[in-house]
Amino acid sequence: MAEAPSSRCLLILIARNEESFDPLATGLLDVGITGATVVDSKGLGAIIREEMPMFAGLAALLPRETGSRILISVTTRDRIEAVRAFIEEMKPGQRPIGAVLPVESTLGLPDES
């Protein structure tokens, strides 16, 4: 028997700097997203600057602050709309970069009912 499509989505948000992470995390909690994984990440500029000295000239053209945090959460479609509305209200410099992907099925999460 075929499974019904999931009403869940994978939410991926990239907070570009520390100043944008705190309001984003608070906003997610406010819309009911209490479970998320946070991954510290480096931007390409940081990698070029720190690990690829042959491109040192190019690094001067890139922003100095290149660290970010990635928030990943499996959530419901209705919460995605609340997140979208919250992000639209954020200051332009604080808005994360994000993506939402449909989830076919989940493992280890309570049933959707």
N, C-alpha and C. Protein backbone atom coordinates (compact mmCIF):
# COMPACT_ATOMS: atom_id res chain seq x y z
N MET A 1 0.84 -1.17 0.00
CA MET A 1 0.00 0.00 0.00
C MET A 1 0.89 1.24 0.00
N ALA A 2 0.59 2.19 -0.85
CA ALA A 2 1.42 3.39 -0.98
C ALA A 2 1.20 4.31 0.22
N GLU A 3 2.28 4.93 0.66
CA GLU A 3 2.21 5.89 1.76
C GLU A 3 1.64 7.21 1.26
N ALA A 4 0.86 7.86 2.12
CA ALA A 4 0.37 9.19 1.78
C ALA A 4 1.54 10.16 1.79
N PRO A 5 1.53 11.18 0.93
CA PRO A 5 2.62 12.14 0.95
C PRO A 5 2.74 12.80 2.32
N SER A 6 3.95 13.05 2.72
CA SER A 6 4.21 13.68 4.01
C SER A 6 3.85 15.16 3.96
N SER A 7 3.38 15.68 5.07
CA SER A 7 3.13 17.13 5.13
C SER A 7 4.34 17.82 5.76
N ARG A 8 5.43 17.11 5.82
CA ARG A 8 6.64 17.68 6.41
C ARG A 8 7.59 18.19 5.34
N CYS A 9 8.43 19.12 5.75
CA CYS A 9 9.42 19.73 4.87
C CYS A 9 10.76 19.79 5.59
N LEU A 10 11.82 19.81 4.82
CA LEU A 10 13.15 20.03 5.36
C LEU A 10 13.45 21.51 5.19
N LEU A 11 13.68 22.18 6.29
CA LEU A 11 13.99 23.61 6.31
C LEU A 11 15.49 23.77 6.51
N ILE A 12 16.12 24.50 5.61
CA ILE A 12 17.55 24.78 5.71
C ILE A 12 17.72 26.29 5.66
N LEU A 13 18.28 26.85 6.73
CA LEU A 13 18.50 28.29 6.80
C LEU A 13 19.97 28.56 7.13
N ILE A 14 20.55 29.53 6.45
CA ILE A 14 21.94 29.90 6.69
C ILE A 14 21.97 31.31 7.27
N ALA A 15 22.32 31.40 8.55
CA ALA A 15 22.51 32.70 9.19
C ALA A 15 23.92 33.15 8.85
N ARG A 16 24.03 34.25 8.16
CA ARG A 16 25.32 34.68 7.60
C ARG A 16 26.32 35.19 8.61
N ASN A 17 25.85 35.58 9.80
CA ASN A 17 26.77 36.06 10.82
C ASN A 17 26.13 35.90 12.19
N GLU A 18 26.91 36.12 13.23
CA GLU A 18 26.44 35.94 14.60
C GLU A 18 25.27 36.87 14.93
N GLU A 19 25.32 38.10 14.43
CA GLU A 19 24.26 39.05 14.71
C GLU A 19 22.92 38.61 14.13
N SER A 20 22.92 37.84 13.07
CA SER A 20 21.66 37.40 12.47
C SER A 20 21.19 36.07 13.05
N PHE A 21 22.07 35.33 13.73
CA PHE A 21 21.68 34.02 14.25
C PHE A 21 20.71 34.13 15.42
N ASP A 22 20.98 34.99 16.39
CA ASP A 22 20.14 35.07 17.59
C ASP A 22 18.69 35.42 17.26
N PRO A 23 18.42 36.47 16.45
CA PRO A 23 17.03 36.76 16.12
C PRO A 23 16.37 35.62 15.33
N LEU A 24 17.14 34.96 14.49
CA LEU A 24 16.60 33.85 13.71
C LEU A 24 16.21 32.69 14.61
N ALA A 25 17.08 32.31 15.53
CA ALA A 25 16.78 31.22 16.46
C ALA A 25 15.56 31.55 17.31
N THR A 26 15.48 32.77 17.79
CA THR A 26 14.32 33.20 18.58
C THR A 26 13.05 33.14 17.75
N GLY A 27 13.12 33.58 16.52
CA GLY A 27 11.96 33.55 15.63
C GLY A 27 11.47 32.14 15.36
N LEU A 28 12.41 31.21 15.19
CA LEU A 28 12.01 29.82 14.96
C LEU A 28 11.28 29.27 16.18
N LEU A 29 11.78 29.58 17.36
CA LEU A 29 11.10 29.14 18.58
C LEU A 29 9.71 29.76 18.67
N ASP A 30 9.58 31.04 18.30
CA ASP A 30 8.30 31.72 18.35
C ASP A 30 7.25 31.09 17.45
N VAL A 31 7.67 30.52 16.32
CA VAL A 31 6.69 29.90 15.41
C VAL A 31 6.52 28.41 15.68
N GLY A 32 7.17 27.90 16.73
CA GLY A 32 6.95 26.52 17.13
C GLY A 32 7.97 25.51 16.65
N ILE A 33 9.06 25.98 16.08
CA ILE A 33 10.12 25.05 15.67
C ILE A 33 11.12 24.97 16.81
N THR A 34 11.01 23.88 17.58
CA THR A 34 11.86 23.73 18.76
C THR A 34 12.97 22.72 18.53
N GLY A 35 12.89 21.98 17.45
CA GLY A 35 13.93 21.00 17.15
C GLY A 35 14.66 21.38 15.88
N ALA A 36 15.93 21.66 15.99
CA ALA A 36 16.75 21.99 14.82
C ALA A 36 18.19 21.61 15.13
N THR A 37 18.91 21.31 14.09
CA THR A 37 20.34 21.06 14.22
C THR A 37 21.06 22.30 13.72
N VAL A 38 22.05 22.74 14.47
CA VAL A 38 22.83 23.92 14.09
C VAL A 38 24.25 23.47 13.79
N VAL A 39 24.74 23.85 12.63
CA VAL A 39 26.08 23.48 12.19
C VAL A 39 26.87 24.76 11.95
N ASP A 40 28.02 24.90 12.62
CA ASP A 40 28.90 26.03 12.33
C ASP A 40 29.56 25.77 10.99
N SER A 41 29.67 26.81 10.18
CA SER A 41 30.24 26.64 8.85
C SER A 41 31.15 27.80 8.52
N LYS A 42 31.95 27.60 7.49
CA LYS A 42 32.86 28.63 6.98
C LYS A 42 32.42 28.98 5.58
N GLY A 43 32.49 30.25 5.28
CA GLY A 43 32.23 30.69 3.92
C GLY A 43 33.43 30.44 3.02
N LEU A 44 33.20 30.48 1.74
CA LEU A 44 34.27 30.27 0.78
C LEU A 44 35.39 31.28 0.96
N GLY A 45 35.04 32.52 1.31
CA GLY A 45 36.06 33.56 1.53
C GLY A 45 37.04 33.17 2.62
N ALA A 46 36.54 32.59 3.71
CA ALA A 46 37.41 32.16 4.81
C ALA A 46 38.33 31.04 4.37
N ILE A 47 37.81 30.13 3.60
CA ILE A 47 38.64 29.01 3.13
C ILE A 47 39.73 29.52 2.20
N ILE A 48 39.36 30.42 1.29
CA ILE A 48 40.37 30.99 0.38
C ILE A 48 41.44 31.73 1.18
N ARG A 49 41.00 32.53 2.14
CA ARG A 49 41.93 33.34 2.93
C ARG A 49 42.86 32.48 3.77
N GLU A 50 42.32 31.41 4.40
CA GLU A 50 43.08 30.62 5.36
C GLU A 50 43.81 29.42 4.75
N GLU A 51 43.26 28.83 3.73
CA GLU A 51 43.79 27.56 3.26
C GLU A 51 44.32 27.56 1.84
N MET A 52 44.13 28.67 1.12
CA MET A 52 44.55 28.72 -0.27
C MET A 52 45.34 30.00 -0.53
N PRO A 53 46.56 30.08 -0.02
CA PRO A 53 47.33 31.32 -0.14
C PRO A 53 47.57 31.76 -1.59
N MET A 54 47.49 30.84 -2.53
CA MET A 54 47.71 31.23 -3.92
C MET A 54 46.64 32.18 -4.44
N PHE A 55 45.49 32.25 -3.72
CA PHE A 55 44.41 33.15 -4.11
C PHE A 55 44.30 34.35 -3.16
N ALA A 56 45.39 34.71 -2.50
CA ALA A 56 45.39 35.80 -1.52
C ALA A 56 44.87 37.11 -2.11
N GLY A 57 45.18 37.39 -3.34
CA GLY A 57 44.70 38.62 -3.99
C GLY A 57 43.19 38.62 -4.13
N LEU A 58 42.63 37.47 -4.43
CA LEU A 58 41.18 37.35 -4.56
C LEU A 58 40.50 37.54 -3.20
N ALA A 59 41.14 37.05 -2.15
CA ALA A 59 40.57 37.15 -0.79
C ALA A 59 40.33 38.60 -0.40
N ALA A 60 41.13 39.52 -0.91
CA ALA A 60 40.96 40.93 -0.58
C ALA A 60 39.64 41.48 -1.12
N LEU A 61 39.09 40.84 -2.13
CA LEU A 61 37.83 41.29 -2.71
C LEU A 61 36.61 40.71 -1.98
N LEU A 62 36.83 39.73 -1.12
CA LEU A 62 35.73 39.05 -0.43
C LEU A 62 35.47 39.69 0.93
N PRO A 63 34.25 39.54 1.45
CA PRO A 63 33.96 40.09 2.78
C PRO A 63 34.85 39.48 3.85
N ARG A 64 35.21 40.26 4.86
CA ARG A 64 36.06 39.75 5.96
C ARG A 64 35.33 38.70 6.77
N GLU A 65 34.06 38.95 7.07
CA GLU A 65 33.30 38.04 7.91
C GLU A 65 32.67 36.97 7.02
N THR A 66 33.14 35.75 7.17
CA THR A 66 32.65 34.69 6.29
C THR A 66 32.16 33.47 7.05
N GLY A 67 32.03 33.57 8.36
CA GLY A 67 31.49 32.46 9.14
C GLY A 67 29.98 32.50 9.13
N SER A 68 29.38 31.35 9.27
CA SER A 68 27.92 31.29 9.28
C SER A 68 27.48 30.09 10.11
N ARG A 69 26.18 30.01 10.34
CA ARG A 69 25.58 28.86 11.01
C ARG A 69 24.43 28.37 10.15
N ILE A 70 24.36 27.08 9.99
CA ILE A 70 23.30 26.47 9.21
C ILE A 70 22.33 25.81 10.17
N LEU A 71 21.05 26.15 10.06
CA LEU A 71 20.00 25.53 10.87
C LEU A 71 19.23 24.57 9.96
N ILE A 72 19.06 23.35 10.43
CA ILE A 72 18.36 22.33 9.65
C ILE A 72 17.26 21.76 10.53
N SER A 73 16.05 21.70 10.00
CA SER A 73 14.93 21.18 10.77
C SER A 73 13.92 20.50 9.85
N VAL A 74 13.35 19.40 10.32
CA VAL A 74 12.20 18.80 9.65
C VAL A 74 10.99 19.35 10.37
N THR A 75 10.11 20.00 9.63
CA THR A 75 8.96 20.64 10.24
C THR A 75 7.74 20.51 9.33
N THR A 76 6.64 21.08 9.74
CA THR A 76 5.41 20.98 8.97
C THR A 76 5.26 22.15 8.01
N ARG A 77 4.46 21.95 6.99
CA ARG A 77 4.25 22.99 5.97
C ARG A 77 3.65 24.27 6.58
N ASP A 78 2.76 24.13 7.55
CA ASP A 78 2.17 25.34 8.15
C ASP A 78 3.21 26.16 8.90
N ARG A 79 4.17 25.49 9.53
CA ARG A 79 5.24 26.23 10.21
C ARG A 79 6.16 26.91 9.20
N ILE A 80 6.33 26.31 8.04
CA ILE A 80 7.16 26.93 6.99
C ILE A 80 6.58 28.29 6.62
N GLU A 81 5.27 28.37 6.50
CA GLU A 81 4.64 29.66 6.15
C GLU A 81 4.86 30.68 7.26
N ALA A 82 4.83 30.24 8.52
CA ALA A 82 5.09 31.15 9.64
C ALA A 82 6.54 31.62 9.61
N VAL A 83 7.47 30.73 9.27
CA VAL A 83 8.89 31.10 9.16
C VAL A 83 9.07 32.11 8.03
N ARG A 84 8.41 31.86 6.91
CA ARG A 84 8.52 32.76 5.76
C ARG A 84 8.05 34.17 6.16
N ALA A 85 6.94 34.25 6.86
CA ALA A 85 6.42 35.56 7.30
C ALA A 85 7.39 36.22 8.27
N PHE A 86 7.96 35.44 9.19
CA PHE A 86 8.92 35.98 10.15
C PHE A 86 10.15 36.54 9.43
N ILE A 87 10.69 35.78 8.48
CA ILE A 87 11.89 36.21 7.76
C ILE A 87 11.63 37.50 6.99
N GLU A 88 10.45 37.63 6.40
CA GLU A 88 10.11 38.86 5.67
C GLU A 88 10.13 40.09 6.57
N GLU A 89 9.86 39.89 7.87
CA GLU A 89 9.86 41.01 8.81
C GLU A 89 11.25 41.34 9.35
N MET A 90 12.23 40.47 9.11
CA MET A 90 13.58 40.73 9.59
C MET A 90 14.23 41.85 8.79
N LYS A 91 15.20 42.52 9.40
CA LYS A 91 15.96 43.54 8.70
C LYS A 91 16.69 42.87 7.53
N PRO A 92 16.82 43.56 6.40
CA PRO A 92 17.47 42.94 5.24
C PRO A 92 18.85 42.35 5.54
N GLY A 93 19.68 42.98 6.34
CA GLY A 93 21.01 42.45 6.64
C GLY A 93 21.01 41.24 7.56
N GLN A 94 19.87 40.97 8.20
CA GLN A 94 19.78 39.84 9.11
C GLN A 94 19.09 38.63 8.49
N ARG A 95 18.44 38.81 7.37
CA ARG A 95 17.68 37.71 6.76
C ARG A 95 18.61 36.58 6.35
N PRO A 96 18.21 35.36 6.68
CA PRO A 96 19.02 34.21 6.27
C PRO A 96 18.78 33.86 4.80
N ILE A 97 19.68 33.06 4.30
CA ILE A 97 19.48 32.42 3.00
C ILE A 97 18.85 31.08 3.32
N GLY A 98 17.86 30.65 2.57
CA GLY A 98 17.20 29.41 2.95
C GLY A 98 16.62 28.64 1.80
N ALA A 99 16.22 27.42 2.13
CA ALA A 99 15.56 26.55 1.17
C ALA A 99 14.61 25.64 1.94
N VAL A 100 13.54 25.26 1.25
CA VAL A 100 12.57 24.33 1.81
C VAL A 100 12.40 23.21 0.79
N LEU A 101 12.55 21.98 1.28
CA LEU A 101 12.42 20.82 0.41
C LEU A 101 11.33 19.90 0.93
N PRO A 102 10.53 19.31 0.05
CA PRO A 102 9.52 18.37 0.51
C PRO A 102 10.19 17.11 1.05
N VAL A 103 9.58 16.51 2.07
CA VAL A 103 10.10 15.28 2.66
C VAL A 103 9.14 14.15 2.32
N GLU A 104 9.65 13.13 1.67
CA GLU A 104 8.81 12.00 1.27
C GLU A 104 8.33 11.21 2.48
N SER A 105 9.25 10.93 3.38
CA SER A 105 8.89 10.24 4.62
C SER A 105 9.98 10.54 5.66
N THR A 106 9.68 10.24 6.90
CA THR A 106 10.65 10.49 7.96
C THR A 106 10.90 9.23 8.76
N LEU A 107 12.01 9.22 9.45
CA LEU A 107 12.38 8.12 10.33
C LEU A 107 12.65 8.71 11.71
N GLY A 108 12.22 8.04 12.74
CA GLY A 108 12.54 8.48 14.09
C GLY A 108 11.73 9.63 14.64
N LEU A 109 10.75 10.11 13.88
CA LEU A 109 9.89 11.19 14.35
C LEU A 109 8.50 10.62 14.64
N PRO A 110 7.77 11.24 15.56
CA PRO A 110 6.41 10.77 15.83
C PRO A 110 5.55 10.87 14.57
N ASP A 111 4.53 10.01 14.48
CA ASP A 111 3.62 10.06 13.33
C ASP A 111 2.97 11.41 13.22
N GLU A 112 2.67 11.79 12.00
CA GLU A 112 1.94 13.02 11.75
C GLU A 112 0.46 12.72 11.93
N SER A 113 -0.14 13.34 12.88
CA SER A 113 -1.59 13.16 13.01
C SER A 113 -2.23 14.40 13.53
